[in-house]
């Protein structure tokens, strides 16, 4: 049972959550659609006449059509080679606002 040829446990079988190396075409399209939906919500709130600090911060963010593809699909990472990593590698990336990066990166 515990010799050289014992069966391995499932828990020792490698990574459980395997993230792909790059975003698929479908996931890129979904990310763009999500950005556009957020833009429409921000515009609707602005048009309603509501004034708040969160809206002022949201108005400073670039819109989806103003963003470069590099900024849509990657984010700054000080540990990654080239200082960029795929946006899908960020935990909970669908819920975060990742539209701005440091200047020069």
PDB file of N, CA and C in Angstrom:
ATOM      1  N   UNK A   1       0.813  -1.191   0.000  1.00  0.00           N
ATOM      2  CA  UNK A   1       0.000   0.000   0.000  1.00  0.00           C
ATOM      3  C   UNK A   1       0.863   1.264   0.000  1.00  0.00           C
ATOM      4  N   UNK A   2       1.916   1.307   0.779  1.00  0.00           N
ATOM      5  CA  UNK A   2       2.760   2.489   0.811  1.00  0.00           C
ATOM      6  C   UNK A   2       4.123   2.214   0.209  1.00  0.00           C
ATOM      7  N   UNK A   3       4.208   1.268  -0.700  1.00  0.00           N
ATOM      8  CA  UNK A   3       5.477   0.932  -1.337  1.00  0.00           C
ATOM      9  C   UNK A   3       5.757   1.829  -2.527  1.00  0.00           C
ATOM     10  N   UNK A   4       6.555   1.350  -3.441  1.00  0.00           N
ATOM     11  CA  UNK A   4       6.978   2.134  -4.595  1.00  0.00           C
ATOM     12  C   UNK A   4       5.857   2.350  -5.596  1.00  0.00           C
ATOM     13  N   UNK A   5       4.901   1.422  -5.643  1.00  0.00           N
ATOM     14  CA  UNK A   5       3.870   1.502  -6.666  1.00  0.00           C
ATOM     15  C   UNK A   5       2.486   1.779  -6.088  1.00  0.00           C
ATOM     16  N   UNK A   6       2.417   2.631  -5.080  1.00  0.00           N
ATOM     17  CA  UNK A   6       1.119   2.940  -4.476  1.00  0.00           C
ATOM     18  C   UNK A   6       0.369   3.952  -5.346  1.00  0.00           C
ATOM     19  N   UNK A   7      -0.967   3.926  -5.335  1.00  0.00           N
ATOM     20  CA  UNK A   7      -1.735   4.892  -6.134  1.00  0.00           C
ATOM     21  C   UNK A   7      -1.582   6.303  -5.571  1.00  0.00           C
ATOM     22  N   UNK A   8      -1.585   7.289  -6.454  1.00  0.00           N
ATOM     23  CA  UNK A   8      -1.438   8.673  -6.021  1.00  0.00           C
ATOM     24  C   UNK A   8      -2.798   9.244  -5.651  1.00  0.00           C
ATOM     25  N   UNK A   9      -2.795  10.212  -4.768  1.00  0.00           N
ATOM     26  CA  UNK A   9      -4.018  10.890  -4.381  1.00  0.00           C
ATOM     27  C   UNK A   9      -4.378  11.933  -5.434  1.00  0.00           C
ATOM     28  N   UNK A  10      -5.652  12.206  -5.559  1.00  0.00           N
ATOM     29  CA  UNK A  10      -6.113  13.204  -6.515  1.00  0.00           C
ATOM     30  C   UNK A  10      -5.579  14.586  -6.138  1.00  0.00           C
ATOM     31  N   UNK A  11      -5.442  14.847  -4.845  1.00  0.00           N
ATOM     32  CA  UNK A  11      -4.974  16.154  -4.381  1.00  0.00           C
ATOM     33  C   UNK A  11      -3.540  16.447  -4.835  1.00  0.00           C
ATOM     34  N   UNK A  12      -2.772  15.408  -5.139  1.00  0.00           N
ATOM     35  CA  UNK A  12      -1.398  15.602  -5.571  1.00  0.00           C
ATOM     36  C   UNK A  12      -1.272  15.605  -7.086  1.00  0.00           C
ATOM     37  N   UNK A  13      -2.357  15.788  -7.796  1.00  0.00           N
ATOM     38  CA  UNK A  13      -2.373  15.651  -9.241  1.00  0.00           C
ATOM     39  C   UNK A  13      -2.020  16.894 -10.026  1.00  0.00           C
ATOM     40  N   UNK A  14      -1.464  17.906  -9.425  1.00  0.00           N
ATOM     41  CA  UNK A  14      -1.075  19.112 -10.160  1.00  0.00           C
ATOM     42  C   UNK A  14      -2.029  20.260  -9.876  1.00  0.00           C
ATOM     43  N   UNK A  15      -1.981  21.247 -10.732  1.00  0.00           N
ATOM     44  CA  UNK A  15      -2.799  22.433 -10.539  1.00  0.00           C
ATOM     45  C   UNK A  15      -4.275  22.116 -10.685  1.00  0.00           C
ATOM     46  N   UNK A  16      -5.060  22.712  -9.822  1.00  0.00           N
ATOM     47  CA  UNK A  16      -6.500  22.526  -9.912  1.00  0.00           C
ATOM     48  C   UNK A  16      -7.110  23.539 -10.861  1.00  0.00           C
ATOM     49  N   UNK A  17      -6.672  24.805 -10.766  1.00  0.00           N
ATOM     50  CA  UNK A  17      -7.185  25.855 -11.625  1.00  0.00           C
ATOM     51  C   UNK A  17      -6.146  26.156 -12.685  1.00  0.00           C
ATOM     52  N   UNK A  18      -6.395  25.743 -13.883  1.00  0.00           N
ATOM     53  CA  UNK A  18      -5.449  25.959 -14.967  1.00  0.00           C
ATOM     54  C   UNK A  18      -5.923  27.138 -15.805  1.00  0.00           C
ATOM     55  N   UNK A  19      -5.180  28.218 -15.783  1.00  0.00           N
ATOM     56  CA  UNK A  19      -5.547  29.380 -16.586  1.00  0.00           C
ATOM     57  C   UNK A  19      -4.772  29.319 -17.886  1.00  0.00           C
ATOM     58  N   UNK A  20      -5.409  29.595 -19.002  1.00  0.00           N
ATOM     59  CA  UNK A  20      -4.709  29.534 -20.284  1.00  0.00           C
ATOM     60  C   UNK A  20      -3.661  30.632 -20.392  1.00  0.00           C
ATOM     61  N   UNK A  21      -2.702  30.418 -21.273  1.00  0.00           N
ATOM     62  CA  UNK A  21      -1.603  31.358 -21.446  1.00  0.00           C
ATOM     63  C   UNK A  21      -2.086  32.691 -21.982  1.00  0.00           C
ATOM     64  N   UNK A  22      -3.047  32.660 -22.889  1.00  0.00           N
ATOM     65  CA  UNK A  22      -3.584  33.910 -23.433  1.00  0.00           C
ATOM     66  C   UNK A  22      -5.099  33.825 -23.506  1.00  0.00           C
ATOM     67  N   UNK A  23      -5.713  34.995 -23.610  1.00  0.00           N
ATOM     68  CA  UNK A  23      -7.169  35.064 -23.698  1.00  0.00           C
ATOM     69  C   UNK A  23      -7.644  34.533 -25.043  1.00  0.00           C
ATOM     70  N   UNK A  24      -8.726  33.791 -25.034  1.00  0.00           N
ATOM     71  CA  UNK A  24      -9.315  33.338 -26.288  1.00  0.00           C
ATOM     72  C   UNK A  24     -10.068  34.489 -26.947  1.00  0.00           C
ATOM     73  N   UNK A  25     -10.418  34.312 -28.186  1.00  0.00           N
ATOM     74  CA  UNK A  25     -11.160  35.338 -28.919  1.00  0.00           C
ATOM     75  C   UNK A  25     -12.492  35.618 -28.240  1.00  0.00           C
ATOM     76  N   UNK A  26     -13.149  34.573 -27.757  1.00  0.00           N
ATOM     77  CA  UNK A  26     -14.439  34.733 -27.093  1.00  0.00           C
ATOM     78  C   UNK A  26     -14.309  35.517 -25.793  1.00  0.00           C
ATOM     79  N   UNK A  27     -13.281  35.210 -25.008  1.00  0.00           N
ATOM     80  CA  UNK A  27     -13.097  35.914 -23.740  1.00  0.00           C
ATOM     81  C   UNK A  27     -12.700  37.369 -23.978  1.00  0.00           C
ATOM     82  N   UNK A  28     -11.963  37.639 -25.043  1.00  0.00           N
ATOM     83  CA  UNK A  28     -11.647  39.026 -25.391  1.00  0.00           C
ATOM     84  C   UNK A  28     -12.920  39.782 -25.764  1.00  0.00           C
ATOM     85  N   UNK A  29     -13.773  39.151 -26.551  1.00  0.00           N
ATOM     86  CA  UNK A  29     -15.035  39.792 -26.942  1.00  0.00           C
ATOM     87  C   UNK A  29     -15.907  40.052 -25.724  1.00  0.00           C
ATOM     88  N   UNK A  30     -15.943  39.105 -24.794  1.00  0.00           N
ATOM     89  CA  UNK A  30     -16.732  39.293 -23.577  1.00  0.00           C
ATOM     90  C   UNK A  30     -16.161  40.432 -22.729  1.00  0.00           C
ATOM     91  N   UNK A  31     -14.841  40.552 -22.678  1.00  0.00           N
ATOM     92  CA  UNK A  31     -14.209  41.641 -21.918  1.00  0.00           C
ATOM     93  C   UNK A  31     -14.550  42.990 -22.544  1.00  0.00           C
ATOM     94  N   UNK A  32     -14.501  43.072 -23.880  1.00  0.00           N
ATOM     95  CA  UNK A  32     -14.873  44.324 -24.564  1.00  0.00           C
ATOM     96  C   UNK A  32     -16.333  44.666 -24.305  1.00  0.00           C
ATOM     97  N   UNK A  33     -17.206  43.680 -24.383  1.00  0.00           N
ATOM     98  CA  UNK A  33     -18.633  43.914 -24.145  1.00  0.00           C
ATOM     99  C   UNK A  33     -18.861  44.385 -22.713  1.00  0.00           C
ATOM    100  N   UNK A  34     -18.124  43.814 -21.757  1.00  0.00           N
ATOM    101  CA  UNK A  34     -18.251  44.223 -20.363  1.00  0.00           C
ATOM    102  C   UNK A  34     -17.817  45.674 -20.190  1.00  0.00           C
ATOM    103  N   UNK A  35     -16.718  46.066 -20.849  1.00  0.00           N
ATOM    104  CA  UNK A  35     -16.259  47.457 -20.779  1.00  0.00           C
ATOM    105  C   UNK A  35     -17.305  48.402 -21.363  1.00  0.00           C
ATOM    106  N   UNK A  36     -17.910  48.006 -22.480  1.00  0.00           N
ATOM    107  CA  UNK A  36     -18.933  48.854 -23.114  1.00  0.00           C
ATOM    108  C   UNK A  36     -20.166  48.990 -22.226  1.00  0.00           C
ATOM    109  N   UNK A  37     -20.559  47.910 -21.555  1.00  0.00           N
ATOM    110  CA  UNK A  37     -21.706  47.978 -20.653  1.00  0.00           C
ATOM    111  C   UNK A  37     -21.439  48.921 -19.490  1.00  0.00           C
ATOM    112  N   UNK A  38     -20.228  48.879 -18.956  1.00  0.00           N
ATOM    113  CA  UNK A  38     -19.872  49.788 -17.865  1.00  0.00           C
ATOM    114  C   UNK A  38     -19.894  51.227 -18.361  1.00  0.00           C
ATOM    115  N   UNK A  39     -19.409  51.461 -19.581  1.00  0.00           N
ATOM    116  CA  UNK A  39     -19.439  52.813 -20.155  1.00  0.00           C
ATOM    117  C   UNK A  39     -20.869  53.331 -20.278  1.00  0.00           C
ATOM    118  N   UNK A  40     -21.800  52.479 -20.694  1.00  0.00           N
ATOM    119  CA  UNK A  40     -23.191  52.924 -20.837  1.00  0.00           C
ATOM    120  C   UNK A  40     -23.814  53.230 -19.476  1.00  0.00           C
ATOM    121  N   UNK A  41     -23.469  52.451 -18.456  1.00  0.00           N
ATOM    122  CA  UNK A  41     -24.002  52.710 -17.116  1.00  0.00           C
ATOM    123  C   UNK A  41     -23.458  54.031 -16.586  1.00  0.00           C
ATOM    124  N   UNK A  42     -22.167  54.278 -16.766  1.00  0.00           N
ATOM    125  CA  UNK A  42     -21.575  55.539 -16.315  1.00  0.00           C
ATOM    126  C   UNK A  42     -22.235  56.715 -17.027  1.00  0.00           C
ATOM    127  N   UNK A  43     -22.459  56.567 -18.320  1.00  0.00           N
ATOM    128  CA  UNK A  43     -23.092  57.648 -19.092  1.00  0.00           C
ATOM    129  C   UNK A  43     -24.534  57.864 -18.643  1.00  0.00           C
ATOM    130  N   UNK A  44     -25.260  56.787 -18.327  1.00  0.00           N
ATOM    131  CA  UNK A  44     -26.646  56.920 -17.875  1.00  0.00           C
ATOM    132  C   UNK A  44     -26.720  57.621 -16.518  1.00  0.00           C
ATOM    133  N   UNK A  45     -25.799  57.288 -15.637  1.00  0.00           N
ATOM    134  CA  UNK A  45     -25.787  57.938 -14.327  1.00  0.00           C
ATOM    135  C   UNK A  45     -25.431  59.411 -14.479  1.00  0.00           C
ATOM    136  N   UNK A  46     -24.486  59.719 -15.350  1.00  0.00           N
ATOM    137  CA  UNK A  46     -24.104  61.112 -15.588  1.00  0.00           C
ATOM    138  C   UNK A  46     -25.277  61.898 -16.165  1.00  0.00           C
ATOM    139  N   UNK A  47     -26.019  61.286 -17.108  1.00  0.00           N
ATOM    140  CA  UNK A  47     -27.150  61.961 -17.738  1.00  0.00           C
ATOM    141  C   UNK A  47     -28.316  62.169 -16.770  1.00  0.00           C
ATOM    142  N   UNK A  48     -28.396  61.351 -15.732  1.00  0.00           N
ATOM    143  CA  UNK A  48     -29.501  61.496 -14.780  1.00  0.00           C
ATOM    144  C   UNK A  48     -29.327  62.697 -13.866  1.00  0.00           C
ATOM    145  N   UNK A  49     -28.126  63.262 -13.825  1.00  0.00           N
ATOM    146  CA  UNK A  49     -27.903  64.450 -13.024  1.00  0.00           C
ATOM    147  C   UNK A  49     -27.368  64.183 -11.629  1.00  0.00           C
ATOM    148  N   UNK A  50     -27.088  62.929 -11.309  1.00  0.00           N
ATOM    149  CA  UNK A  50     -26.541  62.585  -9.995  1.00  0.00           C
ATOM    150  C   UNK A  50     -25.103  63.087  -9.906  1.00  0.00           C
ATOM    151  N   UNK A  51     -24.730  63.626  -8.752  1.00  0.00           N
ATOM    152  CA  UNK A  51     -23.362  64.096  -8.542  1.00  0.00           C
ATOM    153  C   UNK A  51     -22.779  63.362  -7.340  1.00  0.00           C
ATOM    154  N   UNK A  52     -21.659  62.698  -7.534  1.00  0.00           N
ATOM    155  CA  UNK A  52     -20.975  62.044  -6.428  1.00  0.00           C
ATOM    156  C   UNK A  52     -19.502  61.855  -6.792  1.00  0.00           C
ATOM    157  N   UNK A  53     -18.706  61.564  -5.782  1.00  0.00           N
ATOM    158  CA  UNK A  53     -17.270  61.421  -5.978  1.00  0.00           C
ATOM    159  C   UNK A  53     -16.946  60.208  -6.856  1.00  0.00           C
ATOM    160  N   UNK A  54     -17.683  59.121  -6.666  1.00  0.00           N
ATOM    161  CA  UNK A  54     -17.440  57.919  -7.458  1.00  0.00           C
ATOM    162  C   UNK A  54     -17.696  58.179  -8.943  1.00  0.00           C
ATOM    163  N   UNK A  55     -18.713  58.972  -9.237  1.00  0.00           N
ATOM    164  CA  UNK A  55     -18.999  59.307 -10.634  1.00  0.00           C
ATOM    165  C   UNK A  55     -17.901  60.189 -11.213  1.00  0.00           C
ATOM    166  N   UNK A  56     -17.393  61.110 -10.418  1.00  0.00           N
ATOM    167  CA  UNK A  56     -16.290  61.956 -10.890  1.00  0.00           C
ATOM    168  C   UNK A  56     -15.060  61.121 -11.221  1.00  0.00           C
ATOM    169  N   UNK A  57     -14.758  60.122 -10.378  1.00  0.00           N
ATOM    170  CA  UNK A  57     -13.622  59.229 -10.655  1.00  0.00           C
ATOM    171  C   UNK A  57     -13.884  58.387 -11.900  1.00  0.00           C
ATOM    172  N   UNK A  58     -15.111  57.925 -12.059  1.00  0.00           N
ATOM    173  CA  UNK A  58     -15.454  57.089 -13.207  1.00  0.00           C
ATOM    174  C   UNK A  58     -15.382  57.875 -14.515  1.00  0.00           C
ATOM    175  N   UNK A  59     -15.702  59.163 -14.464  1.00  0.00           N
ATOM    176  CA  UNK A  59     -15.645  59.983 -15.673  1.00  0.00           C
ATOM    177  C   UNK A  59     -14.209  60.207 -16.145  1.00  0.00           C
ATOM    178  N   UNK A  60     -13.241  60.091 -15.236  1.00  0.00           N
ATOM    179  CA  UNK A  60     -11.833  60.259 -15.608  1.00  0.00           C
ATOM    180  C   UNK A  60     -11.254  59.030 -16.307  1.00  0.00           C
ATOM    181  N   UNK A  61     -11.908  57.888 -16.163  1.00  0.00           N
ATOM    182  CA  UNK A  61     -11.409  56.659 -16.791  1.00  0.00           C
ATOM    183  C   UNK A  61     -11.598  56.726 -18.307  1.00  0.00           C
ATOM    184  N   UNK A  62     -10.692  56.094 -19.069  1.00  0.00           N
ATOM    185  CA  UNK A  62     -10.885  56.069 -20.520  1.00  0.00           C
ATOM    186  C   UNK A  62     -12.032  55.144 -20.896  1.00  0.00           C
ATOM    187  N   UNK A  63     -12.726  55.490 -21.972  1.00  0.00           N
ATOM    188  CA  UNK A  63     -13.809  54.635 -22.465  1.00  0.00           C
ATOM    189  C   UNK A  63     -13.206  53.474 -23.257  1.00  0.00           C
ATOM    190  N   UNK A  64     -14.025  52.487 -23.541  1.00  0.00           N
ATOM    191  CA  UNK A  64     -13.530  51.273 -24.213  1.00  0.00           C
ATOM    192  C   UNK A  64     -12.918  51.601 -25.560  1.00  0.00           C
ATOM    193  N   UNK A  65     -13.550  52.471 -26.333  1.00  0.00           N
ATOM    194  CA  UNK A  65     -13.041  52.774 -27.677  1.00  0.00           C
ATOM    195  C   UNK A  65     -11.792  53.645 -27.629  1.00  0.00           C
ATOM    196  N   UNK A  66     -11.506  54.278 -26.485  1.00  0.00           N
ATOM    197  CA  UNK A  66     -10.300  55.091 -26.347  1.00  0.00           C
ATOM    198  C   UNK A  66      -9.090  54.284 -25.880  1.00  0.00           C
ATOM    199  N   UNK A  67      -9.323  53.086 -25.409  1.00  0.00           N
ATOM    200  CA  UNK A  67      -8.234  52.269 -24.862  1.00  0.00           C
ATOM    201  C   UNK A  67      -7.508  51.511 -25.966  1.00  0.00           C
ATOM    202  N   UNK A  68      -6.200  51.399 -25.810  1.00  0.00           N
ATOM    203  CA  UNK A  68      -5.401  50.583 -26.721  1.00  0.00           C
ATOM    204  C   UNK A  68      -5.636  49.107 -26.394  1.00  0.00           C
ATOM    205  N   UNK A  69      -5.485  48.224 -27.372  1.00  0.00           N
ATOM    206  CA  UNK A  69      -5.665  46.793 -27.080  1.00  0.00           C
ATOM    207  C   UNK A  69      -4.746  46.298 -25.959  1.00  0.00           C
ATOM    208  N   UNK A  70      -3.561  46.873 -25.878  1.00  0.00           N
ATOM    209  CA  UNK A  70      -2.626  46.487 -24.820  1.00  0.00           C
ATOM    210  C   UNK A  70      -3.230  46.748 -23.444  1.00  0.00           C
ATOM    211  N   UNK A  71      -3.976  47.846 -23.302  1.00  0.00           N
ATOM    212  CA  UNK A  71      -4.576  48.178 -22.020  1.00  0.00           C
ATOM    213  C   UNK A  71      -5.862  47.397 -21.756  1.00  0.00           C
ATOM    214  N   UNK A  72      -6.532  46.948 -22.815  1.00  0.00           N
ATOM    215  CA  UNK A  72      -7.767  46.184 -22.621  1.00  0.00           C
ATOM    216  C   UNK A  72      -7.478  44.776 -22.114  1.00  0.00           C
ATOM    217  N   UNK A  73      -6.402  44.168 -22.583  1.00  0.00           N
ATOM    218  CA  UNK A  73      -6.177  42.748 -22.327  1.00  0.00           C
ATOM    219  C   UNK A  73      -5.001  42.457 -21.415  1.00  0.00           C
ATOM    220  N   UNK A  74      -4.214  43.461 -21.038  1.00  0.00           N
ATOM    221  CA  UNK A  74      -3.104  43.243 -20.117  1.00  0.00           C
ATOM    222  C   UNK A  74      -3.099  44.324 -19.047  1.00  0.00           C
ATOM    223  N   UNK A  75      -2.423  44.035 -17.935  1.00  0.00           N
ATOM    224  CA  UNK A  75      -2.280  44.990 -16.842  1.00  0.00           C
ATOM    225  C   UNK A  75      -0.821  45.051 -16.428  1.00  0.00           C
ATOM    226  N   UNK A  76      -0.454  46.133 -15.756  1.00  0.00           N
ATOM    227  CA  UNK A  76       0.903  46.291 -15.253  1.00  0.00           C
ATOM    228  C   UNK A  76       1.163  45.294 -14.137  1.00  0.00           C
ATOM    229  N   UNK A  77       2.347  44.690 -14.174  1.00  0.00           N
ATOM    230  CA  UNK A  77       2.780  43.791 -13.111  1.00  0.00           C
ATOM    231  C   UNK A  77       4.268  43.985 -12.909  1.00  0.00           C
ATOM    232  N   UNK A  78       4.660  44.363 -11.705  1.00  0.00           N
ATOM    233  CA  UNK A  78       6.076  44.612 -11.450  1.00  0.00           C
ATOM    234  C   UNK A  78       6.890  43.332 -11.455  1.00  0.00           C
ATOM    235  N   UNK A  79       6.236  42.177 -11.284  1.00  0.00           N
ATOM    236  CA  UNK A  79       6.975  40.917 -11.226  1.00  0.00           C
ATOM    237  C   UNK A  79       7.037  40.191 -12.563  1.00  0.00           C
ATOM    238  N   UNK A  80       6.183  40.553 -13.502  1.00  0.00           N
ATOM    239  CA  UNK A  80       6.142  39.840 -14.781  1.00  0.00           C
ATOM    240  C   UNK A  80       7.251  40.334 -15.714  1.00  0.00           C
ATOM    241  N   UNK A  81       7.706  39.450 -16.565  1.00  0.00           N
ATOM    242  CA  UNK A  81       8.692  39.839 -17.562  1.00  0.00           C
ATOM    243  C   UNK A  81       8.027  40.795 -18.543  1.00  0.00           C
ATOM    244  N   UNK A  82       8.638  41.923 -18.814  1.00  0.00           N
ATOM    245  CA  UNK A  82       8.030  42.930 -19.667  1.00  0.00           C
ATOM    246  C   UNK A  82       7.046  43.817 -18.928  1.00  0.00           C
ATOM    247  N   UNK A  83       6.900  43.603 -17.623  1.00  0.00           N
ATOM    248  CA  UNK A  83       6.022  44.401 -16.754  1.00  0.00           C
ATOM    249  C   UNK A  83       4.556  44.370 -17.160  1.00  0.00           C
ATOM    250  N   UNK A  84       4.135  43.375 -17.903  1.00  0.00           N
ATOM    251  CA  UNK A  84       2.724  43.209 -18.269  1.00  0.00           C
ATOM    252  C   UNK A  84       2.330  41.760 -18.058  1.00  0.00           C
ATOM    253  N   UNK A  85       1.084  41.548 -17.658  1.00  0.00           N
ATOM    254  CA  UNK A  85       0.542  40.190 -17.607  1.00  0.00           C
ATOM    255  C   UNK A  85      -0.893  40.227 -18.098  1.00  0.00           C
ATOM    256  N   UNK A  86      -1.370  39.093 -18.559  1.00  0.00           N
ATOM    257  CA  UNK A  86      -2.721  39.002 -19.082  1.00  0.00           C
ATOM    258  C   UNK A  86      -3.741  39.370 -18.018  1.00  0.00           C
ATOM    259  N   UNK A  87      -4.769  40.066 -18.442  1.00  0.00           N
ATOM    260  CA  UNK A  87      -5.787  40.541 -17.501  1.00  0.00           C
ATOM    261  C   UNK A  87      -6.499  39.365 -16.830  1.00  0.00           C
ATOM    262  N   UNK A  88      -6.563  38.228 -17.503  1.00  0.00           N
ATOM    263  CA  UNK A  88      -7.248  37.072 -16.938  1.00  0.00           C
ATOM    264  C   UNK A  88      -6.453  36.400 -15.825  1.00  0.00           C
ATOM    265  N   UNK A  89      -5.221  36.806 -15.613  1.00  0.00           N
ATOM    266  CA  UNK A  89      -4.417  36.263 -14.514  1.00  0.00           C
ATOM    267  C   UNK A  89      -4.683  37.001 -13.199  1.00  0.00           C
ATOM    268  N   UNK A  90      -5.385  38.124 -13.254  1.00  0.00           N
ATOM    269  CA  UNK A  90      -5.707  38.905 -12.062  1.00  0.00           C
ATOM    270  C   UNK A  90      -6.910  38.265 -11.373  1.00  0.00           C
ATOM    271  N   UNK A  91      -6.826  38.028 -10.064  1.00  0.00           N
ATOM    272  CA  UNK A  91      -7.995  37.459  -9.379  1.00  0.00           C
ATOM    273  C   UNK A  91      -9.203  38.387  -9.456  1.00  0.00           C
ATOM    274  N   UNK A  92     -10.351  37.817  -9.741  1.00  0.00           N
ATOM    275  CA  UNK A  92     -11.620  38.557  -9.853  1.00  0.00           C
ATOM    276  C   UNK A  92     -11.540  39.694 -10.866  1.00  0.00           C
ATOM    277  N   UNK A  93     -10.875  39.470 -11.993  1.00  0.00           N
ATOM    278  CA  UNK A  93     -10.639  40.521 -12.981  1.00  0.00           C
ATOM    279  C   UNK A  93     -11.912  41.022 -13.629  1.00  0.00           C
ATOM    280  N   UNK A  94     -12.987  40.259 -13.595  1.00  0.00           N
ATOM    281  CA  UNK A  94     -14.229  40.722 -14.211  1.00  0.00           C
ATOM    282  C   UNK A  94     -14.940  41.745 -13.340  1.00  0.00           C
ATOM    283  N   UNK A  95     -14.576  41.833 -12.071  1.00  0.00           N
ATOM    284  CA  UNK A  95     -15.257  42.751 -11.162  1.00  0.00           C
ATOM    285  C   UNK A  95     -14.452  44.007 -10.871  1.00  0.00           C
ATOM    286  N   UNK A  96     -13.196  44.047 -11.306  1.00  0.00           N
ATOM    287  CA  UNK A  96     -12.318  45.169 -10.984  1.00  0.00           C
ATOM    288  C   UNK A  96     -12.240  46.166 -12.127  1.00  0.00           C
ATOM    289  N   UNK A  97     -11.913  47.406 -11.777  1.00  0.00           N
ATOM    290  CA  UNK A  97     -11.681  48.434 -12.787  1.00  0.00           C
ATOM    291  C   UNK A  97     -10.198  48.453 -13.079  1.00  0.00           C
ATOM    292  N   UNK A  98      -9.807  47.910 -14.216  1.00  0.00           N
ATOM    293  CA  UNK A  98      -8.389  47.802 -14.576  1.00  0.00           C
ATOM    294  C   UNK A  98      -8.107  48.583 -15.856  1.00  0.00           C
ATOM    295  N   UNK A  99      -8.604  49.802 -15.932  1.00  0.00           N
ATOM    296  CA  UNK A  99      -8.479  50.566 -17.164  1.00  0.00           C
ATOM    297  C   UNK A  99      -7.237  51.426 -17.220  1.00  0.00           C
ATOM    298  N   UNK A 100      -6.636  51.744 -16.089  1.00  0.00           N
ATOM    299  CA  UNK A 100      -5.479  52.644 -16.088  1.00  0.00           C
ATOM    300  C   UNK A 100      -4.231  51.887 -15.645  1.00  0.00           C
ATOM    301  N   UNK A 101      -3.094  52.248 -16.201  1.00  0.00           N
ATOM    302  CA  UNK A 101      -1.806  51.662 -15.874  1.00  0.00           C
ATOM    303  C   UNK A 101      -0.812  52.789 -15.666  1.00  0.00           C
ATOM    304  N   UNK A 102       0.315  52.528 -15.020  1.00  0.00           N
ATOM    305  CA  UNK A 102       1.315  53.582 -14.852  1.00  0.00           C
ATOM    306  C   UNK A 102       1.804  54.111 -16.187  1.00  0.00           C
ATOM    307  N   UNK A 103       2.154  55.374 -16.231  1.00  0.00           N
ATOM    308  CA  UNK A 103       2.641  55.953 -17.472  1.00  0.00           C
ATOM    309  C   UNK A 103       3.951  55.293 -17.897  1.00  0.00           C
ATOM    310  N   UNK A 104       4.077  55.029 -19.178  1.00  0.00           N
ATOM    311  CA  UNK A 104       5.283  54.384 -19.687  1.00  0.00           C
ATOM    312  C   UNK A 104       5.197  52.876 -19.757  1.00  0.00           C
ATOM    313  N   UNK A 105       4.145  52.299 -19.222  1.00  0.00           N
ATOM    314  CA  UNK A 105       3.996  50.855 -19.253  1.00  0.00           C
ATOM    315  C   UNK A 105       2.718  50.493 -19.978  1.00  0.00           C
TER     316      UNK A 105
END
